[in-house]
Amino acid sequence: MASIPEEPEGRNLLAGKRVVVTAAAGTGIGSAVAKRALVEGASVLISDIHERRLTETANRLAQESGRRPLTRLCDVTVETDVQGLIDTAAHELGGIDVMMNNAGLGGSVRLVDMTDDQWRAVLGVTLDGTMRCTRAVLRHMIDAGIEGAIVNNASVVGWRAQDEQCHYAAAKAGVMALTRCSAIEAAEHGIRVNAVAPSIAMHAFLAKVSDEDLLDQLSRREAFGRAAEPWEVANVMVFLASDLASYMTGEIVAVSSQHP
């Protein structure tokens, strides 16, 4: 197994940018990209559905980065919550330059055993929630004349077949299609829309809710023989949000050591 590199120092890639990150509570990719945005010089507002974890995450990010992000509760399955998030960020930050859509819901069940409620729950958060947040922030950016960037969190299972993942794979493939189509519509306003597609990024919550043997198997399939660190995915999201990616839109970037 390849060794885990040191997390790089900030390079001011998002200096002066106003960034919103959904589903940022806890130890996963959301909180990692929020930290990365802070380290890269951005003003950040993080949201999540869990109030206690959201506060704890904001406090931890303040200790790790030296800057505390703003917070706002948001359930991405509720339109009024999403609009409230955008309104709060626009008011508190003075506008939104970058939207990081990270909210998603997983689970493992074979299609023959899957209920309609299980299907709807995963699609509702992962695909519908990403659509709501993208729609709301596009309206804000267009109205405000902001040539911003939206970065969605997809997954390699949007390309690859995996047992017991019909609902999640369908949702992530939908996020990819949403990214490509909304990018075409947003381009005339100077707004870029891209997505990352991680293979496996290991963090405490994933380890807690997932089968250990499956996670080990998926990790060993990677060329480096290990899962990605959440910050390794966050780095690519920050790049896509930065001016360095000024000519990229409608792209789905795999963060993986396997080819899709």
Protein backbone atom coordinates (compact mmCIF):
# COMPACT_ATOMS: atom_id res chain seq x y z
CA MET A 1 0.00 0.00 0.00
CA ALA A 2 1.30 3.44 -0.91
CA SER A 3 1.91 5.85 1.94
CA ILE A 4 -0.48 8.73 2.61
CA PRO A 5 1.09 12.05 1.63
CA GLU A 6 1.10 15.12 3.81
CA GLU A 7 -1.80 17.50 3.32
CA PRO A 8 -0.41 20.49 1.38
CA GLU A 9 -0.39 24.03 2.65
CA GLY A 10 -2.75 26.62 1.21
CA ARG A 11 -1.88 28.52 -1.95
CA ASN A 12 -4.60 31.20 -1.82
CA LEU A 13 -6.49 29.48 -4.64
CA LEU A 14 -9.80 30.83 -3.36
CA ALA A 15 -8.61 34.14 -1.93
CA GLY A 16 -11.52 36.57 -1.74
CA LYS A 17 -14.08 33.94 -2.82
CA ARG A 18 -17.35 33.42 -0.95
CA VAL A 19 -18.02 29.70 -0.63
CA VAL A 20 -21.02 27.62 0.50
CA VAL A 21 -20.56 23.93 1.34
CA THR A 22 -23.54 21.63 1.92
CA ALA A 23 -23.45 18.50 4.11
CA ALA A 24 -20.29 19.74 5.78
CA ALA A 25 -20.77 18.38 9.31
CA GLY A 26 -18.68 15.46 10.48
CA THR A 27 -15.43 14.08 9.10
CA GLY A 28 -16.17 13.42 5.43
CA ILE A 29 -15.57 15.19 2.15
CA GLY A 30 -17.89 18.09 3.04
CA SER A 31 -15.95 19.17 6.10
CA ALA A 32 -12.65 18.51 4.29
CA VAL A 33 -13.58 20.82 1.40
CA ALA A 34 -14.78 23.46 3.87
CA LYS A 35 -11.40 23.32 5.62
CA ARG A 36 -9.59 23.45 2.29
CA ALA A 37 -11.60 26.49 1.21
CA LEU A 38 -10.76 28.27 4.47
CA VAL A 39 -7.06 27.40 4.11
CA GLU A 40 -7.16 28.66 0.52
CA GLY A 41 -8.38 32.08 1.68
CA ALA A 42 -12.15 31.89 1.15
CA SER A 43 -14.97 33.15 3.35
CA VAL A 44 -17.06 30.04 4.04
CA LEU A 45 -20.56 29.13 5.13
CA ILE A 46 -21.24 25.48 5.89
CA SER A 47 -24.62 23.79 6.13
CA ASP A 48 -25.94 20.46 7.32
CA ILE A 49 -29.11 18.87 8.63
CA HIS A 50 -27.52 17.98 12.00
CA GLU A 51 -27.34 21.03 14.29
CA ARG A 52 -25.00 19.65 16.96
CA ARG A 53 -22.56 18.16 14.47
CA LEU A 54 -22.66 21.36 12.43
CA THR A 55 -21.63 23.46 15.43
CA GLU A 56 -18.95 20.96 16.44
CA THR A 57 -17.57 20.94 12.90
CA ALA A 58 -17.45 24.74 12.73
CA ASN A 59 -15.56 24.82 16.03
CA ARG A 60 -13.11 22.16 14.84
CA LEU A 61 -12.53 23.97 11.54
CA ALA A 62 -11.81 27.17 13.45
CA GLN A 63 -9.11 25.36 15.44
CA GLU A 64 -7.61 23.65 12.38
CA SER A 65 -7.65 26.60 9.98
CA GLY A 66 -7.64 29.58 12.32
CA ARG A 67 -10.89 30.85 10.79
CA ARG A 68 -14.42 29.87 11.79
CA PRO A 69 -16.99 29.33 9.03
CA LEU A 70 -20.54 30.62 9.27
CA THR A 71 -23.23 27.98 9.70
CA ARG A 72 -26.80 27.41 8.55
CA LEU A 73 -29.07 24.40 9.05
CA CYS A 74 -30.40 23.06 5.77
CA ASP A 75 -32.30 19.98 4.64
CA VAL A 76 -31.66 19.81 0.90
CA THR A 77 -34.90 17.88 0.38
CA VAL A 78 -36.88 20.96 1.48
CA GLU A 79 -37.09 23.84 -1.00
CA THR A 80 -37.64 26.51 1.68
CA ASP A 81 -34.51 25.30 3.51
CA VAL A 82 -32.44 25.53 0.34
CA GLN A 83 -33.70 29.01 -0.47
CA GLY A 84 -33.05 30.05 3.14
CA LEU A 85 -29.48 28.78 2.83
CA ILE A 86 -28.85 30.81 -0.32
CA ASP A 87 -30.49 33.91 1.14
CA THR A 88 -28.46 33.65 4.36
CA ALA A 89 -25.19 33.12 2.50
CA ALA A 90 -25.91 35.99 0.12
CA HIS A 91 -26.62 38.29 3.07
CA GLU A 92 -23.87 37.18 5.45
CA LEU A 93 -21.14 36.72 2.85
CA GLY A 94 -22.29 39.49 0.52
CA GLY A 95 -22.84 37.02 -2.32
CA ILE A 96 -21.87 33.50 -3.38
CA ASP A 97 -18.96 32.84 -5.73
CA VAL A 98 -18.68 29.08 -5.19
CA MET A 99 -21.24 26.39 -4.34
CA MET A 100 -19.98 22.97 -3.24
CA ASN A 101 -22.87 20.50 -3.45
CA ASN A 102 -21.86 17.63 -1.23
CA ALA A 103 -25.13 16.29 0.20
CA GLY A 104 -25.80 12.64 -0.55
CA LEU A 105 -27.36 9.53 0.94
CA GLY A 106 -26.20 5.96 0.43
CA GLY A 107 -27.15 2.47 1.47
CA SER A 108 -26.77 -1.12 0.31
CA VAL A 109 -29.70 -3.22 -0.84
CA ARG A 110 -30.39 -5.48 -3.80
CA LEU A 111 -32.92 -4.13 -6.27
CA VAL A 112 -35.31 -7.06 -5.75
CA ASP A 113 -35.44 -6.20 -2.05
CA MET A 114 -35.51 -2.41 -2.44
CA THR A 115 -38.63 -0.53 -1.39
CA ASP A 116 -39.96 2.58 -3.08
CA ASP A 117 -39.16 4.52 0.09
CA GLN A 118 -35.50 3.41 -0.02
CA TRP A 119 -35.25 4.43 -3.68
CA ARG A 120 -36.92 7.79 -3.09
CA ALA A 121 -34.80 8.57 -0.01
CA VAL A 122 -31.50 8.16 -1.86
CA LEU A 123 -32.65 9.94 -5.02
CA GLY A 124 -34.32 12.67 -2.94
CA VAL A 125 -31.15 13.73 -1.14
CA THR A 126 -28.49 12.88 -3.69
CA LEU A 127 -30.05 13.95 -6.97
CA ASP A 128 -33.05 16.14 -6.11
CA GLY A 129 -31.09 17.94 -3.39
CA THR A 130 -28.22 18.69 -5.76
CA MET A 131 -30.71 19.98 -8.31
CA ARG A 132 -32.39 22.30 -5.78
CA CYS A 133 -29.09 23.75 -4.58
CA THR A 134 -27.79 24.18 -8.13
CA ARG A 135 -31.01 25.85 -9.26
CA ALA A 136 -31.11 28.20 -6.29
CA VAL A 137 -27.49 29.31 -6.50
CA LEU A 138 -27.69 29.74 -10.28
CA ARG A 139 -30.62 32.11 -9.82
CA HIS A 140 -28.60 34.07 -7.25
CA MET A 141 -25.46 34.22 -9.38
CA ILE A 142 -27.33 35.23 -12.53
CA ASP A 143 -29.35 37.91 -10.76
CA ALA A 144 -26.23 39.29 -9.04
CA GLY A 145 -24.06 39.11 -12.15
CA ILE A 146 -21.58 36.77 -10.45
CA GLU A 147 -19.44 34.61 -12.74
CA GLY A 148 -19.15 31.85 -10.17
CA ALA A 149 -18.46 28.14 -9.97
CA ILE A 150 -20.52 25.16 -8.83
CA VAL A 151 -18.85 21.88 -7.90
CA ASN A 152 -21.00 18.79 -7.43
CA ASN A 153 -20.03 15.57 -5.67
CA ALA A 154 -20.78 12.57 -7.88
CA SER A 155 -19.20 9.11 -7.63
CA VAL A 156 -17.46 6.58 -9.83
CA VAL A 157 -20.48 4.31 -9.33
CA GLY A 158 -22.21 6.65 -11.75
CA TRP A 159 -19.98 4.89 -14.30
CA ARG A 160 -19.18 1.54 -12.70
CA ALA A 161 -21.58 -1.25 -11.83
CA GLN A 162 -21.62 -2.27 -8.16
CA ASP A 163 -23.77 -4.79 -6.34
CA GLU A 164 -26.55 -3.40 -4.11
CA GLN A 165 -26.07 0.15 -5.39
CA CYS A 166 -28.85 0.61 -7.98
CA HIS A 167 -30.38 3.61 -6.19
CA TYR A 168 -27.09 5.31 -5.35
CA ALA A 169 -25.57 4.66 -8.78
CA ALA A 170 -28.67 5.99 -10.52
CA ALA A 171 -28.60 9.11 -8.33
CA LYS A 172 -24.92 9.79 -8.97
CA ALA A 173 -25.29 9.20 -12.70
CA GLY A 174 -28.10 11.73 -12.52
CA VAL A 175 -25.79 14.21 -10.79
CA MET A 176 -23.34 13.77 -13.65
CA ALA A 177 -26.03 14.46 -16.27
CA LEU A 178 -27.33 17.41 -14.24
CA THR A 179 -23.80 18.80 -14.11
CA ARG A 180 -23.28 18.57 -17.87
CA CYS A 181 -26.67 20.01 -18.86
CA SER A 182 -26.71 22.84 -16.31
CA ALA A 183 -23.16 23.75 -17.37
CA ILE A 184 -24.38 24.41 -20.91
CA GLU A 185 -27.17 26.66 -19.62
CA ALA A 186 -24.89 28.49 -17.18
CA ALA A 187 -22.05 29.12 -19.61
CA GLU A 188 -23.71 32.15 -21.21
CA HIS A 189 -23.61 33.80 -17.78
CA GLY A 190 -19.93 32.99 -17.21
CA ILE A 191 -20.79 30.38 -14.56
CA ARG A 192 -18.96 27.06 -14.53
CA VAL A 193 -20.47 23.76 -13.32
CA ASN A 194 -18.27 20.71 -12.78
CA ALA A 195 -18.25 17.61 -10.61
CA VAL A 196 -15.84 15.22 -8.93
CA ALA A 197 -16.37 11.47 -8.96
CA PRO A 198 -14.49 9.91 -6.05
CA SER A 199 -13.99 6.16 -5.85
CA ILE A 200 -13.58 5.68 -2.11
CA ALA A 201 -12.59 8.27 0.49
CA MET A 202 -12.18 6.88 3.99
CA HIS A 203 -13.49 8.73 7.02
CA ALA A 204 -14.88 7.86 10.43
CA PHE A 205 -18.57 7.93 9.51
CA LEU A 206 -18.10 5.74 6.43
CA ALA A 207 -16.13 3.22 8.47
CA LYS A 208 -18.90 3.18 11.08
CA VAL A 209 -21.84 2.55 8.73
CA SER A 210 -20.18 0.33 6.09
CA ASP A 211 -19.08 -3.29 5.99
CA GLU A 212 -15.40 -3.49 6.91
CA ASP A 213 -14.65 -6.31 4.45
CA LEU A 214 -16.27 -4.40 1.58
CA LEU A 215 -14.32 -1.22 2.36
CA ASP A 216 -11.10 -3.22 2.52
CA GLN A 217 -11.90 -4.89 -0.80
CA LEU A 218 -12.69 -1.59 -2.52
CA SER A 219 -9.53 0.00 -1.12
CA ARG A 220 -7.31 -2.84 -2.30
CA ARG A 221 -8.69 -2.46 -5.85
CA GLU A 222 -7.22 1.03 -6.05
CA ALA A 223 -3.80 1.35 -7.69
CA PHE A 224 -2.32 2.82 -4.49
CA GLY A 225 -3.84 0.02 -2.42
CA ARG A 226 -5.66 2.48 -0.17
CA ALA A 227 -8.70 4.72 -0.05
CA ALA A 228 -8.34 8.43 -0.67
CA GLU A 229 -8.16 10.80 2.25
CA PRO A 230 -11.14 13.22 2.24
CA TRP A 231 -8.77 16.16 1.74
CA GLU A 232 -7.43 14.56 -1.44
CA VAL A 233 -10.93 14.78 -2.93
CA ALA A 234 -11.38 18.26 -1.47
CA ASN A 235 -8.22 19.46 -3.23
CA VAL A 236 -9.71 18.59 -6.63
CA MET A 237 -12.99 20.30 -5.73
CA VAL A 238 -11.08 23.44 -4.75
CA PHE A 239 -9.15 23.33 -8.03
CA LEU A 240 -12.41 23.12 -10.00
CA ALA A 241 -13.78 26.07 -8.02
CA SER A 242 -10.63 28.15 -8.57
CA ASP A 243 -9.65 30.42 -11.43
CA LEU A 244 -7.09 27.79 -12.48
CA ALA A 245 -10.00 25.81 -13.95
CA SER A 246 -11.42 28.80 -15.82
CA TYR A 247 -11.94 26.88 -19.09
CA MET A 248 -13.45 23.76 -17.52
CA THR A 249 -17.22 23.32 -17.39
CA GLY A 250 -19.53 20.33 -17.68
CA GLU A 251 -16.66 18.05 -16.71
CA ILE A 252 -16.78 15.04 -14.39
CA VAL A 253 -13.32 14.53 -12.86
CA ALA A 254 -12.62 11.11 -11.38
CA VAL A 255 -10.71 11.26 -8.09
CA SER A 256 -9.57 7.69 -8.23
CA SER A 257 -6.54 5.57 -8.91
CA GLN A 258 -8.62 3.29 -11.15
CA HIS A 259 -9.86 4.15 -14.62
CA PRO A 260 -13.71 4.28 -14.71
